[in-house]
Amino acid sequence: MAAVDDNPEPVEWFILNAEANVEVDLTALDALDELRDDMARRGITFAMARVKQDLRDALAAAGLLDKIGEDRIFMTVPTAVEAFHRR
């Protein structure tokens, strides 16, 4: 969180590139939910990019897809950044 806390500009969005997250377990899902909660408490929009179908299914099964929001799940990093600029 140092990158968020130490940023000279206010952080509005946090985009997690999930490309390398192929398999997740309950511990990883809990950590992801904690990160999302932390961002929400700070007033920062949490989004994810490059979410593969298996991860999307795991997020949905854990109830995280609803918490994050379908509109904050992006196929690519550039589309996530574009959504940030359109906000």
PDB file of N, CA and C in Angstrom:
ATOM      1  N   MET A   1       0.801  -1.182   0.000  1.00  0.00           N
ATOM      2  CA  MET A   1       0.000   0.000   0.000  1.00  0.00           C
ATOM      3  C   MET A   1       0.855   1.262   0.000  1.00  0.00           C
ATOM      4  N   ALA A   2       2.152   1.085   0.143  1.00  0.00           N
ATOM      5  CA  ALA A   2       3.047   2.240   0.133  1.00  0.00           C
ATOM      6  C   ALA A   2       2.931   3.015  -1.178  1.00  0.00           C
ATOM      7  N   ALA A   3       2.760   2.309  -2.288  1.00  0.00           N
ATOM      8  CA  ALA A   3       2.635   2.988  -3.575  1.00  0.00           C
ATOM      9  C   ALA A   3       1.405   3.890  -3.602  1.00  0.00           C
ATOM     10  N   VAL A   4       0.348   3.474  -2.943  1.00  0.00           N
ATOM     11  CA  VAL A   4      -0.864   4.292  -2.860  1.00  0.00           C
ATOM     12  C   VAL A   4      -0.645   5.431  -1.871  1.00  0.00           C
ATOM     13  N   ASP A   5      -0.137   5.088  -0.693  1.00  0.00           N
ATOM     14  CA  ASP A   5       0.043   6.087   0.364  1.00  0.00           C
ATOM     15  C   ASP A   5       1.056   7.164  -0.001  1.00  0.00           C
ATOM     16  N   ASP A   6       2.111   6.787  -0.701  1.00  0.00           N
ATOM     17  CA  ASP A   6       3.202   7.719  -0.997  1.00  0.00           C
ATOM     18  C   ASP A   6       3.039   8.458  -2.324  1.00  0.00           C
ATOM     19  N   ASN A   7       1.978   8.163  -3.054  1.00  0.00           N
ATOM     20  CA  ASN A   7       1.777   8.791  -4.354  1.00  0.00           C
ATOM     21  C   ASN A   7       1.480  10.277  -4.166  1.00  0.00           C
ATOM     22  N   PRO A   8       2.188  11.149  -4.880  1.00  0.00           N
ATOM     23  CA  PRO A   8       1.949  12.583  -4.720  1.00  0.00           C
ATOM     24  C   PRO A   8       0.574  13.027  -5.233  1.00  0.00           C
ATOM     25  N   GLU A   9       0.010  12.279  -6.154  1.00  0.00           N
ATOM     26  CA  GLU A   9      -1.328  12.562  -6.681  1.00  0.00           C
ATOM     27  C   GLU A   9      -2.331  11.646  -5.988  1.00  0.00           C
ATOM     28  N   PRO A  10      -3.556  12.114  -5.774  1.00  0.00           N
ATOM     29  CA  PRO A  10      -4.556  11.221  -5.178  1.00  0.00           C
ATOM     30  C   PRO A  10      -4.833  10.038  -6.105  1.00  0.00           C
ATOM     31  N   VAL A  11      -4.883   8.855  -5.546  1.00  0.00           N
ATOM     32  CA  VAL A  11      -5.158   7.647  -6.321  1.00  0.00           C
ATOM     33  C   VAL A  11      -6.671   7.485  -6.416  1.00  0.00           C
ATOM     34  N   GLU A  12      -7.172   7.365  -7.642  1.00  0.00           N
ATOM     35  CA  GLU A  12      -8.611   7.226  -7.849  1.00  0.00           C
ATOM     36  C   GLU A  12      -9.003   5.793  -8.178  1.00  0.00           C
ATOM     37  N   TRP A  13      -8.166   5.106  -8.932  1.00  0.00           N
ATOM     38  CA  TRP A  13      -8.434   3.724  -9.326  1.00  0.00           C
ATOM     39  C   TRP A  13      -7.206   2.880  -9.022  1.00  0.00           C
ATOM     40  N   PHE A  14      -7.466   1.615  -8.672  1.00  0.00           N
ATOM     41  CA  PHE A  14      -6.425   0.601  -8.512  1.00  0.00           C
ATOM     42  C   PHE A  14      -6.802  -0.518  -9.471  1.00  0.00           C
ATOM     43  N   ILE A  15      -5.992  -0.734 -10.506  1.00  0.00           N
ATOM     44  CA  ILE A  15      -6.270  -1.772 -11.504  1.00  0.00           C
ATOM     45  C   ILE A  15      -5.283  -2.911 -11.299  1.00  0.00           C
ATOM     46  N   LEU A  16      -5.807  -4.074 -10.954  1.00  0.00           N
ATOM     47  CA  LEU A  16      -4.986  -5.261 -10.747  1.00  0.00           C
ATOM     48  C   LEU A  16      -4.903  -6.046 -12.048  1.00  0.00           C
ATOM     49  N   ASN A  17      -3.695  -6.209 -12.582  1.00  0.00           N
ATOM     50  CA  ASN A  17      -3.473  -7.031 -13.767  1.00  0.00           C
ATOM     51  C   ASN A  17      -3.423  -8.479 -13.301  1.00  0.00           C
ATOM     52  N   ALA A  18      -4.467  -9.228 -13.599  1.00  0.00           N
ATOM     53  CA  ALA A  18      -4.608 -10.594 -13.093  1.00  0.00           C
ATOM     54  C   ALA A  18      -4.110 -11.646 -14.076  1.00  0.00           C
ATOM     55  N   GLU A  19      -3.343 -11.246 -15.066  1.00  0.00           N
ATOM     56  CA  GLU A  19      -2.875 -12.174 -16.096  1.00  0.00           C
ATOM     57  C   GLU A  19      -2.173 -13.395 -15.507  1.00  0.00           C
ATOM     58  N   ALA A  20      -1.356 -13.201 -14.499  1.00  0.00           N
ATOM     59  CA  ALA A  20      -0.572 -14.305 -13.940  1.00  0.00           C
ATOM     60  C   ALA A  20      -1.356 -15.138 -12.927  1.00  0.00           C
ATOM     61  N   ASN A  21      -2.544 -14.705 -12.571  1.00  0.00           N
ATOM     62  CA  ASN A  21      -3.350 -15.414 -11.575  1.00  0.00           C
ATOM     63  C   ASN A  21      -4.204 -16.465 -12.268  1.00  0.00           C
ATOM     64  N   VAL A  22      -3.640 -17.631 -12.448  1.00  0.00           N
ATOM     65  CA  VAL A  22      -4.349 -18.699 -13.141  1.00  0.00           C
ATOM     66  C   VAL A  22      -5.205 -19.492 -12.164  1.00  0.00           C
ATOM     67  N   GLU A  23      -4.616 -19.911 -11.072  1.00  0.00           N
ATOM     68  CA  GLU A  23      -5.341 -20.672 -10.059  1.00  0.00           C
ATOM     69  C   GLU A  23      -5.357 -19.881  -8.763  1.00  0.00           C
ATOM     70  N   VAL A  24      -6.516 -19.844  -8.119  1.00  0.00           N
ATOM     71  CA  VAL A  24      -6.615 -19.165  -6.832  1.00  0.00           C
ATOM     72  C   VAL A  24      -7.273 -20.100  -5.833  1.00  0.00           C
ATOM     73  N   ASP A  25      -6.841 -19.975  -4.585  1.00  0.00           N
ATOM     74  CA  ASP A  25      -7.459 -20.759  -3.523  1.00  0.00           C
ATOM     75  C   ASP A  25      -8.215 -19.805  -2.608  1.00  0.00           C
ATOM     76  N   LEU A  26      -8.793 -20.338  -1.556  1.00  0.00           N
ATOM     77  CA  LEU A  26      -9.586 -19.533  -0.636  1.00  0.00           C
ATOM     78  C   LEU A  26      -8.763 -18.418  -0.004  1.00  0.00           C
ATOM     79  N   THR A  27      -7.511 -18.711   0.320  1.00  0.00           N
ATOM     80  CA  THR A  27      -6.640 -17.699   0.915  1.00  0.00           C
ATOM     81  C   THR A  27      -6.422 -16.535  -0.050  1.00  0.00           C
ATOM     82  N   ALA A  28      -6.200 -16.840  -1.314  1.00  0.00           N
ATOM     83  CA  ALA A  28      -6.000 -15.791  -2.317  1.00  0.00           C
ATOM     84  C   ALA A  28      -7.268 -14.971  -2.505  1.00  0.00           C
ATOM     85  N   LEU A  29      -8.416 -15.631  -2.514  1.00  0.00           N
ATOM     86  CA  LEU A  29      -9.680 -14.911  -2.657  1.00  0.00           C
ATOM     87  C   LEU A  29      -9.941 -14.009  -1.457  1.00  0.00           C
ATOM     88  N   ASP A  30      -9.612 -14.495  -0.264  1.00  0.00           N
ATOM     89  CA  ASP A  30      -9.762 -13.670   0.941  1.00  0.00           C
ATOM     90  C   ASP A  30      -8.851 -12.446   0.878  1.00  0.00           C
ATOM     91  N   ALA A  31      -7.615 -12.649   0.434  1.00  0.00           N
ATOM     92  CA  ALA A  31      -6.665 -11.536   0.322  1.00  0.00           C
ATOM     93  C   ALA A  31      -7.153 -10.517  -0.710  1.00  0.00           C
ATOM     94  N   LEU A  32      -7.700 -11.005  -1.805  1.00  0.00           N
ATOM     95  CA  LEU A  32      -8.233 -10.125  -2.840  1.00  0.00           C
ATOM     96  C   LEU A  32      -9.409  -9.310  -2.299  1.00  0.00           C
ATOM     97  N   ASP A  33     -10.263  -9.956  -1.516  1.00  0.00           N
ATOM     98  CA  ASP A  33     -11.400  -9.254  -0.920  1.00  0.00           C
ATOM     99  C   ASP A  33     -10.921  -8.201   0.082  1.00  0.00           C
ATOM    100  N   GLU A  34      -9.892  -8.517   0.849  1.00  0.00           N
ATOM    101  CA  GLU A  34      -9.321  -7.540   1.787  1.00  0.00           C
ATOM    102  C   GLU A  34      -8.743  -6.339   1.038  1.00  0.00           C
ATOM    103  N   LEU A  35      -8.060  -6.599  -0.069  1.00  0.00           N
ATOM    104  CA  LEU A  35      -7.513  -5.514  -0.880  1.00  0.00           C
ATOM    105  C   LEU A  35      -8.642  -4.641  -1.421  1.00  0.00           C
ATOM    106  N   ARG A  36      -9.694  -5.275  -1.930  1.00  0.00           N
ATOM    107  CA  ARG A  36     -10.846  -4.534  -2.448  1.00  0.00           C
ATOM    108  C   ARG A  36     -11.481  -3.685  -1.350  1.00  0.00           C
ATOM    109  N   ASP A  37     -11.651  -4.281  -0.156  1.00  0.00           N
ATOM    110  CA  ASP A  37     -12.208  -3.543   0.985  1.00  0.00           C
ATOM    111  C   ASP A  37     -11.330  -2.348   1.350  1.00  0.00           C
ATOM    112  N   ASP A  38     -10.024  -2.560   1.375  1.00  0.00           N
ATOM    113  CA  ASP A  38      -9.095  -1.487   1.722  1.00  0.00           C
ATOM    114  C   ASP A  38      -9.200  -0.342   0.719  1.00  0.00           C
ATOM    115  N   MET A  39      -9.270  -0.678  -0.556  1.00  0.00           N
ATOM    116  CA  MET A  39      -9.405   0.356  -1.579  1.00  0.00           C
ATOM    117  C   MET A  39     -10.724   1.109  -1.395  1.00  0.00           C
ATOM    118  N   ALA A  40     -11.797   0.384  -1.127  1.00  0.00           N
ATOM    119  CA  ALA A  40     -13.106   1.022  -0.936  1.00  0.00           C
ATOM    120  C   ALA A  40     -13.076   1.983   0.254  1.00  0.00           C
ATOM    121  N   ARG A  41     -12.447   1.573   1.344  1.00  0.00           N
ATOM    122  CA  ARG A  41     -12.343   2.445   2.522  1.00  0.00           C
ATOM    123  C   ARG A  41     -11.581   3.732   2.203  1.00  0.00           C
ATOM    124  N   ARG A  42     -10.664   3.645   1.272  1.00  0.00           N
ATOM    125  CA  ARG A  42      -9.856   4.809   0.887  1.00  0.00           C
ATOM    126  C   ARG A  42     -10.534   5.638  -0.213  1.00  0.00           C
ATOM    127  N   GLY A  43     -11.691   5.176  -0.675  1.00  0.00           N
ATOM    128  CA  GLY A  43     -12.381   5.884  -1.747  1.00  0.00           C
ATOM    129  C   GLY A  43     -11.787   5.625  -3.116  1.00  0.00           C
ATOM    130  N   ILE A  44     -11.087   4.505  -3.252  1.00  0.00           N
ATOM    131  CA  ILE A  44     -10.418   4.144  -4.504  1.00  0.00           C
ATOM    132  C   ILE A  44     -11.208   3.032  -5.190  1.00  0.00           C
ATOM    133  N   THR A  45     -11.481   3.211  -6.474  1.00  0.00           N
ATOM    134  CA  THR A  45     -12.170   2.195  -7.260  1.00  0.00           C
ATOM    135  C   THR A  45     -11.219   1.037  -7.525  1.00  0.00           C
ATOM    136  N   PHE A  46     -11.668  -0.180  -7.216  1.00  0.00           N
ATOM    137  CA  PHE A  46     -10.879  -1.389  -7.465  1.00  0.00           C
ATOM    138  C   PHE A  46     -11.370  -2.020  -8.759  1.00  0.00           C
ATOM    139  N   ALA A  47     -10.453  -2.301  -9.663  1.00  0.00           N
ATOM    140  CA  ALA A  47     -10.789  -2.940 -10.932  1.00  0.00           C
ATOM    141  C   ALA A  47      -9.764  -4.030 -11.223  1.00  0.00           C
ATOM    142  N   MET A  48     -10.138  -4.934 -12.119  1.00  0.00           N
ATOM    143  CA  MET A  48      -9.231  -6.009 -12.515  1.00  0.00           C
ATOM    144  C   MET A  48      -9.181  -6.089 -14.035  1.00  0.00           C
ATOM    145  N   ALA A  49      -8.001  -6.394 -14.545  1.00  0.00           N
ATOM    146  CA  ALA A  49      -7.809  -6.549 -15.982  1.00  0.00           C
ATOM    147  C   ALA A  49      -7.185  -7.908 -16.269  1.00  0.00           C
ATOM    148  N   ARG A  50      -7.444  -8.405 -17.471  1.00  0.00           N
ATOM    149  CA  ARG A  50      -6.893  -9.673 -17.955  1.00  0.00           C
ATOM    150  C   ARG A  50      -7.321 -10.847 -17.076  1.00  0.00           C
ATOM    151  N   VAL A  51      -8.579 -10.833 -16.715  1.00  0.00           N
ATOM    152  CA  VAL A  51      -9.158 -11.888 -15.879  1.00  0.00           C
ATOM    153  C   VAL A  51      -9.581 -13.034 -16.788  1.00  0.00           C
ATOM    154  N   LYS A  52      -8.941 -14.174 -16.614  1.00  0.00           N
ATOM    155  CA  LYS A  52      -9.283 -15.360 -17.405  1.00  0.00           C
ATOM    156  C   LYS A  52     -10.560 -15.993 -16.854  1.00  0.00           C
ATOM    157  N   GLN A  53     -11.196 -16.835 -17.658  1.00  0.00           N
ATOM    158  CA  GLN A  53     -12.494 -17.410 -17.294  1.00  0.00           C
ATOM    159  C   GLN A  53     -12.446 -18.202 -15.989  1.00  0.00           C
ATOM    160  N   ASP A  54     -11.392 -18.975 -15.770  1.00  0.00           N
ATOM    161  CA  ASP A  54     -11.300 -19.751 -14.523  1.00  0.00           C
ATOM    162  C   ASP A  54     -11.280 -18.833 -13.303  1.00  0.00           C
ATOM    163  N   LEU A  55     -10.547 -17.739 -13.397  1.00  0.00           N
ATOM    164  CA  LEU A  55     -10.506 -16.786 -12.295  1.00  0.00           C
ATOM    165  C   LEU A  55     -11.856 -16.105 -12.134  1.00  0.00           C
ATOM    166  N   ARG A  56     -12.476 -15.743 -13.237  1.00  0.00           N
ATOM    167  CA  ARG A  56     -13.806 -15.127 -13.184  1.00  0.00           C
ATOM    168  C   ARG A  56     -14.795 -16.066 -12.494  1.00  0.00           C
ATOM    169  N   ASP A  57     -14.724 -17.345 -12.828  1.00  0.00           N
ATOM    170  CA  ASP A  57     -15.608 -18.334 -12.195  1.00  0.00           C
ATOM    171  C   ASP A  57     -15.354 -18.417 -10.693  1.00  0.00           C
ATOM    172  N   ALA A  58     -14.081 -18.398 -10.294  1.00  0.00           N
ATOM    173  CA  ALA A  58     -13.737 -18.449  -8.866  1.00  0.00           C
ATOM    174  C   ALA A  58     -14.212 -17.188  -8.152  1.00  0.00           C
ATOM    175  N   LEU A  59     -14.059 -16.035  -8.794  1.00  0.00           N
ATOM    176  CA  LEU A  59     -14.544 -14.780  -8.215  1.00  0.00           C
ATOM    177  C   LEU A  59     -16.056 -14.823  -8.033  1.00  0.00           C
ATOM    178  N   ALA A  60     -16.749 -15.344  -9.033  1.00  0.00           N
ATOM    179  CA  ALA A  60     -18.212 -15.436  -8.951  1.00  0.00           C
ATOM    180  C   ALA A  60     -18.636 -16.386  -7.838  1.00  0.00           C
ATOM    181  N   ALA A  61     -17.988 -17.533  -7.752  1.00  0.00           N
ATOM    182  CA  ALA A  61     -18.343 -18.525  -6.728  1.00  0.00           C
ATOM    183  C   ALA A  61     -18.124 -17.984  -5.320  1.00  0.00           C
ATOM    184  N   ALA A  62     -17.130 -17.123  -5.157  1.00  0.00           N
ATOM    185  CA  ALA A  62     -16.823 -16.553  -3.838  1.00  0.00           C
ATOM    186  C   ALA A  62     -17.641 -15.293  -3.542  1.00  0.00           C
ATOM    187  N   GLY A  63     -18.440 -14.855  -4.504  1.00  0.00           N
ATOM    188  CA  GLY A  63     -19.223 -13.642  -4.317  1.00  0.00           C
ATOM    189  C   GLY A  63     -18.448 -12.360  -4.574  1.00  0.00           C
ATOM    190  N   LEU A  64     -17.212 -12.498  -5.022  1.00  0.00           N
ATOM    191  CA  LEU A  64     -16.375 -11.316  -5.259  1.00  0.00           C
ATOM    192  C   LEU A  64     -16.705 -10.596  -6.561  1.00  0.00           C
ATOM    193  N   LEU A  65     -17.195 -11.321  -7.530  1.00  0.00           N
ATOM    194  CA  LEU A  65     -17.533 -10.686  -8.801  1.00  0.00           C
ATOM    195  C   LEU A  65     -18.615  -9.630  -8.581  1.00  0.00           C
ATOM    196  N   ASP A  66     -19.595  -9.948  -7.743  1.00  0.00           N
ATOM    197  CA  ASP A  66     -20.644  -8.981  -7.427  1.00  0.00           C
ATOM    198  C   ASP A  66     -20.094  -7.808  -6.630  1.00  0.00           C
ATOM    199  N   LYS A  67     -19.176  -8.078  -5.711  1.00  0.00           N
ATOM    200  CA  LYS A  67     -18.596  -7.003  -4.895  1.00  0.00           C
ATOM    201  C   LYS A  67     -17.741  -6.061  -5.740  1.00  0.00           C
ATOM    202  N   ILE A  68     -16.965  -6.628  -6.645  1.00  0.00           N
ATOM    203  CA  ILE A  68     -16.107  -5.815  -7.513  1.00  0.00           C
ATOM    204  C   ILE A  68     -16.965  -5.099  -8.550  1.00  0.00           C
ATOM    205  N   GLY A  69     -17.889  -5.849  -9.142  1.00  0.00           N
ATOM    206  CA  GLY A  69     -18.768  -5.318 -10.178  1.00  0.00           C
ATOM    207  C   GLY A  69     -18.302  -5.745 -11.556  1.00  0.00           C
ATOM    208  N   GLU A  70     -19.240  -6.269 -12.326  1.00  0.00           N
ATOM    209  CA  GLU A  70     -18.919  -6.695 -13.699  1.00  0.00           C
ATOM    210  C   GLU A  70     -18.322  -5.543 -14.511  1.00  0.00           C
ATOM    211  N   ASP A  71     -18.754  -4.317 -14.198  1.00  0.00           N
ATOM    212  CA  ASP A  71     -18.273  -3.160 -14.945  1.00  0.00           C
ATOM    213  C   ASP A  71     -16.857  -2.746 -14.562  1.00  0.00           C
ATOM    214  N   ARG A  72     -16.259  -3.473 -13.623  1.00  0.00           N
ATOM    215  CA  ARG A  72     -14.882  -3.197 -13.207  1.00  0.00           C
ATOM    216  C   ARG A  72     -13.953  -4.374 -13.508  1.00  0.00           C
ATOM    217  N   ILE A  73     -14.424  -5.278 -14.369  1.00  0.00           N
ATOM    218  CA  ILE A  73     -13.624  -6.412 -14.848  1.00  0.00           C
ATOM    219  C   ILE A  73     -13.381  -6.176 -16.339  1.00  0.00           C
ATOM    220  N   PHE A  74     -12.120  -6.126 -16.737  1.00  0.00           N
ATOM    221  CA  PHE A  74     -11.779  -5.763 -18.108  1.00  0.00           C
ATOM    222  C   PHE A  74     -10.927  -6.846 -18.764  1.00  0.00           C
ATOM    223  N   MET A  75     -11.098  -6.985 -20.074  1.00  0.00           N
ATOM    224  CA  MET A  75     -10.339  -7.982 -20.831  1.00  0.00           C
ATOM    225  C   MET A  75      -8.858  -7.601 -20.941  1.00  0.00           C
ATOM    226  N   THR A  76      -8.581  -6.317 -21.045  1.00  0.00           N
ATOM    227  CA  THR A  76      -7.202  -5.862 -21.215  1.00  0.00           C
ATOM    228  C   THR A  76      -6.910  -4.693 -20.271  1.00  0.00           C
ATOM    229  N   VAL A  77      -5.640  -4.444 -20.045  1.00  0.00           N
ATOM    230  CA  VAL A  77      -5.240  -3.286 -19.243  1.00  0.00           C
ATOM    231  C   VAL A  77      -5.622  -1.986 -19.964  1.00  0.00           C
ATOM    232  N   PRO A  78      -5.379  -1.870 -21.280  1.00  0.00           N
ATOM    233  CA  PRO A  78      -5.769  -0.624 -21.954  1.00  0.00           C
ATOM    234  C   PRO A  78      -7.269  -0.315 -21.854  1.00  0.00           C
ATOM    235  N   THR A  79      -8.127  -1.335 -21.906  1.00  0.00           N
ATOM    236  CA  THR A  79      -9.561  -1.052 -21.769  1.00  0.00           C
ATOM    237  C   THR A  79      -9.895  -0.598 -20.352  1.00  0.00           C
ATOM    238  N   ALA A  80      -9.178  -1.106 -19.365  1.00  0.00           N
ATOM    239  CA  ALA A  80      -9.380  -0.647 -17.984  1.00  0.00           C
ATOM    240  C   ALA A  80      -8.946   0.810 -17.850  1.00  0.00           C
ATOM    241  N   VAL A  81      -7.815   1.139 -18.430  1.00  0.00           N
ATOM    242  CA  VAL A  81      -7.319   2.519 -18.375  1.00  0.00           C
ATOM    243  C   VAL A  81      -8.274   3.448 -19.126  1.00  0.00           C
ATOM    244  N   GLU A  82      -8.789   2.986 -20.252  1.00  0.00           N
ATOM    245  CA  GLU A  82      -9.759   3.781 -21.015  1.00  0.00           C
ATOM    246  C   GLU A  82     -11.015   4.046 -20.179  1.00  0.00           C
ATOM    247  N   ALA A  83     -11.481   3.029 -19.456  1.00  0.00           N
ATOM    248  CA  ALA A  83     -12.651   3.202 -18.584  1.00  0.00           C
ATOM    249  C   ALA A  83     -12.360   4.229 -17.495  1.00  0.00           C
ATOM    250  N   PHE A  84     -11.153   4.199 -16.961  1.00  0.00           N
ATOM    251  CA  PHE A  84     -10.753   5.198 -15.965  1.00  0.00           C
ATOM    252  C   PHE A  84     -10.857   6.605 -16.551  1.00  0.00           C
ATOM    253  N   HIS A  85     -10.356   6.789 -17.754  1.00  0.00           N
ATOM    254  CA  HIS A  85     -10.371   8.113 -18.380  1.00  0.00           C
ATOM    255  C   HIS A  85     -11.788   8.569 -18.732  1.00  0.00           C
ATOM    256  N   ARG A  86     -12.700   7.626 -18.975  1.00  0.00           N
ATOM    257  CA  ARG A  86     -14.088   7.961 -19.312  1.00  0.00           C
ATOM    258  C   ARG A  86     -14.949   8.243 -18.089  1.00  0.00           C
ATOM    259  N   ARG A  87     -14.485   7.932 -16.894  1.00  0.00           N
ATOM    260  CA  ARG A  87     -15.322   8.024 -15.687  1.00  0.00           C
ATOM    261  C   ARG A  87     -15.951   9.362 -15.479  1.00  0.00           C
TER     262      ARG A  87
END
